[in-house]
Amino acid sequence: MSRVNHLETSATPFGASVRRWRRMRGTSQLELAHRAGTTSRHLSFLETGRSRPSRDMVARLAEALQLQLREANDLFRSAGLASAYPESAFSESDLAPFTAVVEQMLHAHNPFPAYAIDRRWNIVQANSAAQRFLPDGPERNVVRLTYAGAWRNLIANWDDIAWPGALRLQRESAQHPDDEELADLATLAVEACAGLAAQDVMPAGRVLCPAFRFGDDLIRTISVVAQFGGARDVTLEELRIELFFPADEQSAQHFMRLSNVDG
């Protein structure tokens, strides 16, 4: 067995994980060691399992590798250490002050739609305007709704937004290589785009946002995504709030009419 192969097979789970992330980031041992405040020799020992990392070193490497909190926790666990960051269910009392902020944002955005979405694109909360877009069935995953569900026929410019959305999902999946559900969603989106013409792959426009067809009305929107800054909880870091604004007066009036009907 060659020396290289021996080093590959003798690495600890932590060492193998660091090496994999370093290669994914396109970073040399020397560069990563410099960013983490250590030596390339010590990093080599960590990668091959000849040295055990301290908790501080794991934290510095996670930061240097620009890992999100979920992946940072995985790195701590691979070193035999407890996770560094909590992960709470969105409904847990520990997150009550933050869920209250989300509820306030969603409610204040009426009569325009707004959703709170988790990392795997599941809708965890929606305001009353957004509820009108949701199908009667149980499906609440944005990707499945868009590429294989009720929203595909509802979105008037689906051909324009489908491929860029699929590429975004591929990038997200690459950033989270151990997330099989996210990989499945990316695959679903790419396969749904198989029949698109070449011109649909690179659509024009400054921002690609969905337009919805309601009867004879074409509702154009502009979406803005908000996230918690400086989150130290896995759930809060991954939560996204998507706010839809009308892109023209006709669309604004459509949402206002629906709001008056509901009222």
C-alpha atoms as a PDB file:
ATOM      1  CA  MET A   1       0.000   0.000   0.000  1.00  0.00           C
ATOM      2  CA  SER A   2       1.344   3.436  -0.867  1.00  0.00           C
ATOM      3  CA  ARG A   3       1.981   6.046   1.790  1.00  0.00           C
ATOM      4  CA  VAL A   4      -0.858   8.201   0.443  1.00  0.00           C
ATOM      5  CA  ASN A   5      -3.358   5.331   0.608  1.00  0.00           C
ATOM      6  CA  HIS A   6      -2.163   4.430   4.080  1.00  0.00           C
ATOM      7  CA  LEU A   7      -2.776   7.986   5.280  1.00  0.00           C
ATOM      8  CA  GLU A   8      -6.234   8.002   3.681  1.00  0.00           C
ATOM      9  CA  THR A   9      -7.316   4.780   5.410  1.00  0.00           C
ATOM     10  CA  SER A  10      -5.771   5.511   8.810  1.00  0.00           C
ATOM     11  CA  ALA A  11      -7.468   8.882   9.306  1.00  0.00           C
ATOM     12  CA  THR A  12      -9.966   9.275  12.154  1.00  0.00           C
ATOM     13  CA  PRO A  13     -13.546  10.351  11.364  1.00  0.00           C
ATOM     14  CA  PHE A  14     -12.526  13.866  12.364  1.00  0.00           C
ATOM     15  CA  GLY A  15      -9.435  13.841  10.177  1.00  0.00           C
ATOM     16  CA  ALA A  16     -11.341  12.480   7.207  1.00  0.00           C
ATOM     17  CA  SER A  17     -14.028  15.135   7.655  1.00  0.00           C
ATOM     18  CA  VAL A  18     -11.516  17.988   7.832  1.00  0.00           C
ATOM     19  CA  ARG A  19      -9.725  16.693   4.728  1.00  0.00           C
ATOM     20  CA  ARG A  20     -12.980  16.374   2.815  1.00  0.00           C
ATOM     21  CA  TRP A  21     -14.134  19.890   3.709  1.00  0.00           C
ATOM     22  CA  ARG A  22     -10.704  21.333   2.949  1.00  0.00           C
ATOM     23  CA  ARG A  23     -10.726  19.760  -0.500  1.00  0.00           C
ATOM     24  CA  MET A  24     -14.276  20.913  -1.138  1.00  0.00           C
ATOM     25  CA  ARG A  25     -13.162  24.440  -0.308  1.00  0.00           C
ATOM     26  CA  GLY A  26     -10.146  24.097  -2.586  1.00  0.00           C
ATOM     27  CA  THR A  27      -7.809  24.954   0.295  1.00  0.00           C
ATOM     28  CA  SER A  28      -4.327  23.603   0.964  1.00  0.00           C
ATOM     29  CA  GLN A  29      -3.191  22.400   4.369  1.00  0.00           C
ATOM     30  CA  LEU A  30      -0.925  25.444   4.625  1.00  0.00           C
ATOM     31  CA  GLU A  31      -3.775  27.865   3.876  1.00  0.00           C
ATOM     32  CA  LEU A  32      -6.210  26.211   6.265  1.00  0.00           C
ATOM     33  CA  ALA A  33      -3.617  25.981   9.012  1.00  0.00           C
ATOM     34  CA  HIS A  34      -2.904  29.710   8.648  1.00  0.00           C
ATOM     35  CA  ARG A  35      -6.603  30.585   8.877  1.00  0.00           C
ATOM     36  CA  ALA A  36      -7.057  28.353  11.929  1.00  0.00           C
ATOM     37  CA  GLY A  37      -3.992  29.712  13.712  1.00  0.00           C
ATOM     38  CA  THR A  38      -1.989  26.501  13.714  1.00  0.00           C
ATOM     39  CA  THR A  39       0.824  24.888  11.733  1.00  0.00           C
ATOM     40  CA  SER A  40       0.489  22.779   8.598  1.00  0.00           C
ATOM     41  CA  ARG A  41       2.369  20.006  10.462  1.00  0.00           C
ATOM     42  CA  HIS A  42      -0.210  19.944  13.252  1.00  0.00           C
ATOM     43  CA  LEU A  43      -3.066  20.032  10.730  1.00  0.00           C
ATOM     44  CA  SER A  44      -1.490  17.116   8.884  1.00  0.00           C
ATOM     45  CA  PHE A  45      -1.345  15.183  12.158  1.00  0.00           C
ATOM     46  CA  LEU A  46      -5.016  15.967  12.797  1.00  0.00           C
ATOM     47  CA  GLU A  47      -6.040  14.826   9.332  1.00  0.00           C
ATOM     48  CA  THR A  48      -4.140  11.552   9.579  1.00  0.00           C
ATOM     49  CA  GLY A  49      -5.251  10.809  13.146  1.00  0.00           C
ATOM     50  CA  ARG A  50      -1.799  11.168  14.705  1.00  0.00           C
ATOM     51  CA  SER A  51      -3.109  13.982  16.937  1.00  0.00           C
ATOM     52  CA  ARG A  52      -6.443  14.510  18.687  1.00  0.00           C
ATOM     53  CA  PRO A  53      -8.034  17.957  18.395  1.00  0.00           C
ATOM     54  CA  SER A  54      -8.935  20.137  21.327  1.00  0.00           C
ATOM     55  CA  ARG A  55     -12.393  21.686  21.449  1.00  0.00           C
ATOM     56  CA  ASP A  56     -10.870  25.064  20.653  1.00  0.00           C
ATOM     57  CA  MET A  57      -9.094  23.656  17.595  1.00  0.00           C
ATOM     58  CA  VAL A  58     -12.300  22.119  16.264  1.00  0.00           C
ATOM     59  CA  ALA A  59     -14.026  25.484  16.664  1.00  0.00           C
ATOM     60  CA  ARG A  60     -11.212  27.284  14.851  1.00  0.00           C
ATOM     61  CA  LEU A  61     -11.197  24.783  11.989  1.00  0.00           C
ATOM     62  CA  ALA A  62     -14.989  24.987  11.630  1.00  0.00           C
ATOM     63  CA  GLU A  63     -14.684  28.760  11.392  1.00  0.00           C
ATOM     64  CA  ALA A  64     -11.773  28.595   8.961  1.00  0.00           C
ATOM     65  CA  LEU A  65     -13.704  26.142   6.761  1.00  0.00           C
ATOM     66  CA  GLN A  66     -16.750  28.467   6.893  1.00  0.00           C
ATOM     67  CA  LEU A  67     -19.019  25.691   8.070  1.00  0.00           C
ATOM     68  CA  GLN A  68     -22.598  26.427   8.961  1.00  0.00           C
ATOM     69  CA  LEU A  69     -23.670  25.524  12.474  1.00  0.00           C
ATOM     70  CA  ARG A  70     -25.132  22.136  11.539  1.00  0.00           C
ATOM     71  CA  GLU A  71     -21.901  21.055   9.824  1.00  0.00           C
ATOM     72  CA  ALA A  72     -19.841  22.538  12.658  1.00  0.00           C
ATOM     73  CA  ASN A  73     -21.777  20.359  15.111  1.00  0.00           C
ATOM     74  CA  ASP A  74     -21.050  17.340  12.910  1.00  0.00           C
ATOM     75  CA  LEU A  75     -17.360  18.216  13.043  1.00  0.00           C
ATOM     76  CA  PHE A  76     -17.415  18.392  16.852  1.00  0.00           C
ATOM     77  CA  ARG A  77     -19.170  15.022  17.053  1.00  0.00           C
ATOM     78  CA  SER A  78     -16.693  13.440  14.636  1.00  0.00           C
ATOM     79  CA  ALA A  79     -13.976  14.427  17.125  1.00  0.00           C
ATOM     80  CA  GLY A  80     -15.862  12.703  19.963  1.00  0.00           C
ATOM     81  CA  LEU A  81     -16.974  16.031  21.444  1.00  0.00           C
ATOM     82  CA  ALA A  82     -20.418  17.383  22.282  1.00  0.00           C
ATOM     83  CA  SER A  83     -22.131  19.677  19.795  1.00  0.00           C
ATOM     84  CA  ALA A  84     -21.345  23.344  20.226  1.00  0.00           C
ATOM     85  CA  TYR A  85     -24.637  24.823  19.016  1.00  0.00           C
ATOM     86  CA  PRO A  86     -28.211  24.024  20.060  1.00  0.00           C
ATOM     87  CA  GLU A  87     -30.814  22.866  17.568  1.00  0.00           C
ATOM     88  CA  SER A  88     -34.368  23.522  18.675  1.00  0.00           C
ATOM     89  CA  ALA A  89     -37.647  22.693  16.985  1.00  0.00           C
ATOM     90  CA  PHE A  90     -39.310  25.800  15.605  1.00  0.00           C
ATOM     91  CA  SER A  91     -42.237  25.299  18.005  1.00  0.00           C
ATOM     92  CA  GLU A  92     -40.135  24.859  21.169  1.00  0.00           C
ATOM     93  CA  SER A  93     -40.485  27.389  23.977  1.00  0.00           C
ATOM     94  CA  ASP A  94     -36.759  28.183  23.849  1.00  0.00           C
ATOM     95  CA  LEU A  95     -37.323  29.880  20.497  1.00  0.00           C
ATOM     96  CA  ALA A  96     -40.475  31.741  21.556  1.00  0.00           C
ATOM     97  CA  PRO A  97     -38.930  35.249  21.350  1.00  0.00           C
ATOM     98  CA  PHE A  98     -37.703  34.499  17.838  1.00  0.00           C
ATOM     99  CA  THR A  99     -40.865  32.830  16.585  1.00  0.00           C
ATOM    100  CA  ALA A 100     -42.737  35.886  17.861  1.00  0.00           C
ATOM    101  CA  VAL A 101     -40.539  38.051  15.624  1.00  0.00           C
ATOM    102  CA  VAL A 102     -41.265  35.775  12.667  1.00  0.00           C
ATOM    103  CA  GLU A 103     -45.004  35.923  13.340  1.00  0.00           C
ATOM    104  CA  GLN A 104     -44.859  39.703  13.577  1.00  0.00           C
ATOM    105  CA  MET A 105     -43.011  39.983  10.251  1.00  0.00           C
ATOM    106  CA  LEU A 106     -45.408  37.635   8.480  1.00  0.00           C
ATOM    107  CA  HIS A 107     -48.495  39.361   9.860  1.00  0.00           C
ATOM    108  CA  ALA A 108     -47.192  42.849   9.094  1.00  0.00           C
ATOM    109  CA  HIS A 109     -46.563  41.843   5.476  1.00  0.00           C
ATOM    110  CA  ASN A 110     -50.261  41.211   4.786  1.00  0.00           C
ATOM    111  CA  PRO A 111     -51.972  41.657   2.330  1.00  0.00           C
ATOM    112  CA  PHE A 112     -48.896  40.352   0.480  1.00  0.00           C
ATOM    113  CA  PRO A 113     -47.692  36.742   0.859  1.00  0.00           C
ATOM    114  CA  ALA A 114     -44.875  35.768   3.217  1.00  0.00           C
ATOM    115  CA  TYR A 115     -43.490  32.387   4.271  1.00  0.00           C
ATOM    116  CA  ALA A 116     -41.002  31.092   6.832  1.00  0.00           C
ATOM    117  CA  ILE A 117     -38.980  28.258   5.255  1.00  0.00           C
ATOM    118  CA  ASP A 118     -36.456  25.854   6.771  1.00  0.00           C
ATOM    119  CA  ARG A 119     -33.212  24.623   5.219  1.00  0.00           C
ATOM    120  CA  ARG A 120     -34.938  21.830   3.298  1.00  0.00           C
ATOM    121  CA  TRP A 121     -37.487  24.263   1.836  1.00  0.00           C
ATOM    122  CA  ASN A 122     -40.374  23.219   4.067  1.00  0.00           C
ATOM    123  CA  ILE A 123     -42.875  25.972   4.875  1.00  0.00           C
ATOM    124  CA  VAL A 124     -43.057  26.156   8.664  1.00  0.00           C
ATOM    125  CA  GLN A 125     -45.284  29.219   8.839  1.00  0.00           C
ATOM    126  CA  ALA A 126     -47.254  31.417   6.427  1.00  0.00           C
ATOM    127  CA  ASN A 127     -49.327  34.572   6.731  1.00  0.00           C
ATOM    128  CA  SER A 128     -52.974  34.692   5.665  1.00  0.00           C
ATOM    129  CA  ALA A 129     -52.125  36.062   2.201  1.00  0.00           C
ATOM    130  CA  ALA A 130     -49.690  33.196   1.606  1.00  0.00           C
ATOM    131  CA  GLN A 131     -52.207  30.611   2.775  1.00  0.00           C
ATOM    132  CA  ARG A 132     -54.234  31.304  -0.379  1.00  0.00           C
ATOM    133  CA  PHE A 133     -51.365  29.911  -2.464  1.00  0.00           C
ATOM    134  CA  LEU A 134     -51.176  26.622  -0.573  1.00  0.00           C
ATOM    135  CA  PRO A 135     -52.979  23.530  -1.909  1.00  0.00           C
ATOM    136  CA  ASP A 136     -55.599  21.662   0.095  1.00  0.00           C
ATOM    137  CA  GLY A 137     -53.345  18.614   0.495  1.00  0.00           C
ATOM    138  CA  PRO A 138     -50.517  18.149   3.019  1.00  0.00           C
ATOM    139  CA  GLU A 139     -47.630  19.127   0.729  1.00  0.00           C
ATOM    140  CA  ARG A 140     -45.741  22.115   2.161  1.00  0.00           C
ATOM    141  CA  ASN A 141     -42.335  21.784   0.513  1.00  0.00           C
ATOM    142  CA  VAL A 142     -41.577  24.706  -1.807  1.00  0.00           C
ATOM    143  CA  VAL A 143     -39.390  22.657  -4.153  1.00  0.00           C
ATOM    144  CA  ARG A 144     -41.881  19.834  -4.597  1.00  0.00           C
ATOM    145  CA  LEU A 145     -44.744  22.321  -5.008  1.00  0.00           C
ATOM    146  CA  THR A 146     -42.790  24.253  -7.643  1.00  0.00           C
ATOM    147  CA  TYR A 147     -41.298  21.402  -9.663  1.00  0.00           C
ATOM    148  CA  ALA A 148     -43.793  18.567  -9.251  1.00  0.00           C
ATOM    149  CA  GLY A 149     -46.864  19.955  -7.509  1.00  0.00           C
ATOM    150  CA  ALA A 150     -49.647  22.500  -7.482  1.00  0.00           C
ATOM    151  CA  TRP A 151     -47.456  25.555  -8.108  1.00  0.00           C
ATOM    152  CA  ARG A 152     -45.990  24.347 -11.384  1.00  0.00           C
ATOM    153  CA  ASN A 153     -49.096  25.306 -13.366  1.00  0.00           C
ATOM    154  CA  LEU A 154     -49.802  28.320 -11.159  1.00  0.00           C
ATOM    155  CA  ILE A 155     -46.435  29.980 -11.920  1.00  0.00           C
ATOM    156  CA  ALA A 156     -46.823  31.738 -15.273  1.00  0.00           C
ATOM    157  CA  ASN A 157     -43.079  32.148 -15.857  1.00  0.00           C
ATOM    158  CA  TRP A 158     -42.071  28.681 -14.653  1.00  0.00           C
ATOM    159  CA  ASP A 159     -39.778  28.159 -17.663  1.00  0.00           C
ATOM    160  CA  ASP A 160     -37.829  31.287 -16.685  1.00  0.00           C
ATOM    161  CA  ILE A 161     -37.283  30.507 -13.011  1.00  0.00           C
ATOM    162  CA  ALA A 162     -37.038  26.699 -13.096  1.00  0.00           C
ATOM    163  CA  TRP A 163     -33.441  26.181 -14.209  1.00  0.00           C
ATOM    164  CA  PRO A 164     -31.872  28.973 -12.096  1.00  0.00           C
ATOM    165  CA  GLY A 165     -33.753  27.548  -9.120  1.00  0.00           C
ATOM    166  CA  ALA A 166     -32.443  24.061  -9.872  1.00  0.00           C
ATOM    167  CA  LEU A 167     -28.876  25.381 -10.067  1.00  0.00           C
ATOM    168  CA  ARG A 168     -29.324  27.096  -6.707  1.00  0.00           C
ATOM    169  CA  LEU A 169     -30.506  23.815  -5.204  1.00  0.00           C
ATOM    170  CA  GLN A 170     -27.469  22.040  -6.628  1.00  0.00           C
ATOM    171  CA  ARG A 171     -25.189  24.631  -5.013  1.00  0.00           C
ATOM    172  CA  GLU A 172     -26.972  24.264  -1.681  1.00  0.00           C
ATOM    173  CA  SER A 173     -26.714  20.494  -1.888  1.00  0.00           C
ATOM    174  CA  ALA A 174     -22.976  20.752  -2.593  1.00  0.00           C
ATOM    175  CA  GLN A 175     -22.578  22.945   0.497  1.00  0.00           C
ATOM    176  CA  HIS A 176     -24.311  20.259   2.605  1.00  0.00           C
ATOM    177  CA  PRO A 177     -22.960  16.996   1.146  1.00  0.00           C
ATOM    178  CA  ASP A 178     -24.391  14.796   3.911  1.00  0.00           C
ATOM    179  CA  ASP A 179     -27.956  16.047   3.518  1.00  0.00           C
ATOM    180  CA  GLU A 180     -29.668  13.360   1.440  1.00  0.00           C
ATOM    181  CA  GLU A 181     -33.049  15.104   1.486  1.00  0.00           C
ATOM    182  CA  LEU A 182     -31.557  18.276   0.038  1.00  0.00           C
ATOM    183  CA  ALA A 183     -29.778  16.193  -2.614  1.00  0.00           C
ATOM    184  CA  ASP A 184     -33.078  14.529  -3.527  1.00  0.00           C
ATOM    185  CA  LEU A 185     -34.750  17.925  -3.916  1.00  0.00           C
ATOM    186  CA  ALA A 186     -31.938  19.133  -6.185  1.00  0.00           C
ATOM    187  CA  THR A 187     -32.265  16.003  -8.305  1.00  0.00           C
ATOM    188  CA  LEU A 188     -36.037  16.475  -8.553  1.00  0.00           C
ATOM    189  CA  ALA A 189     -35.584  20.051  -9.764  1.00  0.00           C
ATOM    190  CA  VAL A 190     -32.912  19.199 -12.328  1.00  0.00           C
ATOM    191  CA  GLU A 191     -34.969  16.329 -13.745  1.00  0.00           C
ATOM    192  CA  ALA A 192     -38.025  18.589 -14.020  1.00  0.00           C
ATOM    193  CA  CYS A 193     -35.966  20.996 -16.150  1.00  0.00           C
ATOM    194  CA  ALA A 194     -34.923  18.330 -18.648  1.00  0.00           C
ATOM    195  CA  GLY A 195     -37.348  19.505 -21.327  1.00  0.00           C
ATOM    196  CA  LEU A 196     -36.477  23.194 -21.205  1.00  0.00           C
ATOM    197  CA  ALA A 197     -35.210  24.847 -24.365  1.00  0.00           C
ATOM    198  CA  ALA A 198     -31.689  26.272 -24.422  1.00  0.00           C
ATOM    199  CA  GLN A 199     -32.891  29.872 -24.139  1.00  0.00           C
ATOM    200  CA  ASP A 200     -34.690  29.045 -20.886  1.00  0.00           C
ATOM    201  CA  VAL A 201     -31.446  28.071 -19.168  1.00  0.00           C
ATOM    202  CA  MET A 202     -30.160  31.680 -19.137  1.00  0.00           C
ATOM    203  CA  PRO A 203     -33.266  33.877 -18.871  1.00  0.00           C
ATOM    204  CA  ALA A 204     -32.999  37.655 -18.958  1.00  0.00           C
ATOM    205  CA  GLY A 205     -33.842  39.958 -16.077  1.00  0.00           C
ATOM    206  CA  ARG A 206     -32.196  41.650 -13.113  1.00  0.00           C
ATOM    207  CA  VAL A 207     -34.000  39.489 -10.563  1.00  0.00           C
ATOM    208  CA  LEU A 208     -35.857  36.253 -11.269  1.00  0.00           C
ATOM    209  CA  CYS A 209     -39.124  36.155  -9.355  1.00  0.00           C
ATOM    210  CA  PRO A 210     -42.299  34.149  -9.906  1.00  0.00           C
ATOM    211  CA  ALA A 211     -45.369  35.537 -11.657  1.00  0.00           C
ATOM    212  CA  PHE A 212     -48.654  33.830 -10.841  1.00  0.00           C
ATOM    213  CA  ARG A 213     -51.676  33.260 -13.045  1.00  0.00           C
ATOM    214  CA  PHE A 214     -55.065  33.637 -11.352  1.00  0.00           C
ATOM    215  CA  GLY A 215     -57.773  33.353 -13.950  1.00  0.00           C
ATOM    216  CA  ASP A 216     -57.221  36.264 -16.326  1.00  0.00           C
ATOM    217  CA  ASP A 217     -54.915  38.089 -13.876  1.00  0.00           C
ATOM    218  CA  LEU A 218     -51.125  37.896 -14.137  1.00  0.00           C
ATOM    219  CA  ILE A 219     -49.628  38.676 -10.741  1.00  0.00           C
ATOM    220  CA  ARG A 220     -45.995  39.730 -10.899  1.00  0.00           C
ATOM    221  CA  THR A 221     -43.954  39.647  -7.705  1.00  0.00           C
ATOM    222  CA  ILE A 222     -40.565  40.603  -6.311  1.00  0.00           C
ATOM    223  CA  SER A 223     -39.295  38.423  -3.475  1.00  0.00           C
ATOM    224  CA  VAL A 224     -36.952  39.406  -0.651  1.00  0.00           C
ATOM    225  CA  VAL A 225     -35.408  36.908   1.776  1.00  0.00           C
ATOM    226  CA  ALA A 226     -34.682  37.814   5.405  1.00  0.00           C
ATOM    227  CA  GLN A 227     -32.665  35.818   7.946  1.00  0.00           C
ATOM    228  CA  PHE A 228     -31.600  36.186  11.554  1.00  0.00           C
ATOM    229  CA  GLY A 229     -28.199  37.836  11.837  1.00  0.00           C
ATOM    230  CA  GLY A 230     -25.561  36.235  14.036  1.00  0.00           C
ATOM    231  CA  ALA A 231     -27.674  33.157  14.803  1.00  0.00           C
ATOM    232  CA  ARG A 232     -26.101  30.646  17.209  1.00  0.00           C
ATOM    233  CA  ASP A 233     -28.902  28.104  17.004  1.00  0.00           C
ATOM    234  CA  VAL A 234     -29.001  25.681  14.067  1.00  0.00           C
ATOM    235  CA  THR A 235     -32.719  26.156  13.432  1.00  0.00           C
ATOM    236  CA  LEU A 236     -32.519  29.944  13.508  1.00  0.00           C
ATOM    237  CA  GLU A 237     -29.489  30.056  11.229  1.00  0.00           C
ATOM    238  CA  GLU A 238     -31.255  27.943   8.621  1.00  0.00           C
ATOM    239  CA  LEU A 239     -34.626  29.720   8.794  1.00  0.00           C
ATOM    240  CA  ARG A 240     -35.487  31.993   5.861  1.00  0.00           C
ATOM    241  CA  ILE A 241     -38.395  34.408   5.644  1.00  0.00           C
ATOM    242  CA  GLU A 242     -39.477  35.049   2.060  1.00  0.00           C
ATOM    243  CA  LEU A 243     -41.520  38.190   1.517  1.00  0.00           C
ATOM    244  CA  PHE A 244     -43.356  38.697  -1.764  1.00  0.00           C
ATOM    245  CA  PHE A 245     -44.051  42.246  -2.942  1.00  0.00           C
ATOM    246  CA  PRO A 246     -46.216  43.231  -5.921  1.00  0.00           C
ATOM    247  CA  ALA A 247     -44.098  44.224  -8.907  1.00  0.00           C
ATOM    248  CA  ASP A 248     -46.730  46.557 -10.368  1.00  0.00           C
ATOM    249  CA  GLU A 249     -49.956  48.333  -9.469  1.00  0.00           C
ATOM    250  CA  GLN A 250     -52.180  45.686 -11.031  1.00  0.00           C
ATOM    251  CA  SER A 251     -50.608  43.015  -8.848  1.00  0.00           C
ATOM    252  CA  ALA A 252     -50.921  45.206  -5.746  1.00  0.00           C
ATOM    253  CA  GLN A 253     -54.598  45.755  -6.436  1.00  0.00           C
ATOM    254  CA  HIS A 254     -55.130  42.025  -6.861  1.00  0.00           C
ATOM    255  CA  PHE A 255     -53.722  41.300  -3.397  1.00  0.00           C
ATOM    256  CA  MET A 256     -55.745  44.160  -1.905  1.00  0.00           C
ATOM    257  CA  ARG A 257     -58.970  42.810  -3.400  1.00  0.00           C
ATOM    258  CA  LEU A 258     -58.315  39.360  -1.987  1.00  0.00           C
ATOM    259  CA  SER A 259     -57.587  40.881   1.407  1.00  0.00           C
ATOM    260  CA  ASN A 260     -60.888  42.785   1.362  1.00  0.00           C
ATOM    261  CA  VAL A 261     -62.760  39.602   0.443  1.00  0.00           C
ATOM    262  CA  ASP A 262     -61.167  37.724   3.346  1.00  0.00           C
ATOM    263  CA  GLY A 263     -61.904  40.607   5.690  1.00  0.00           C
END
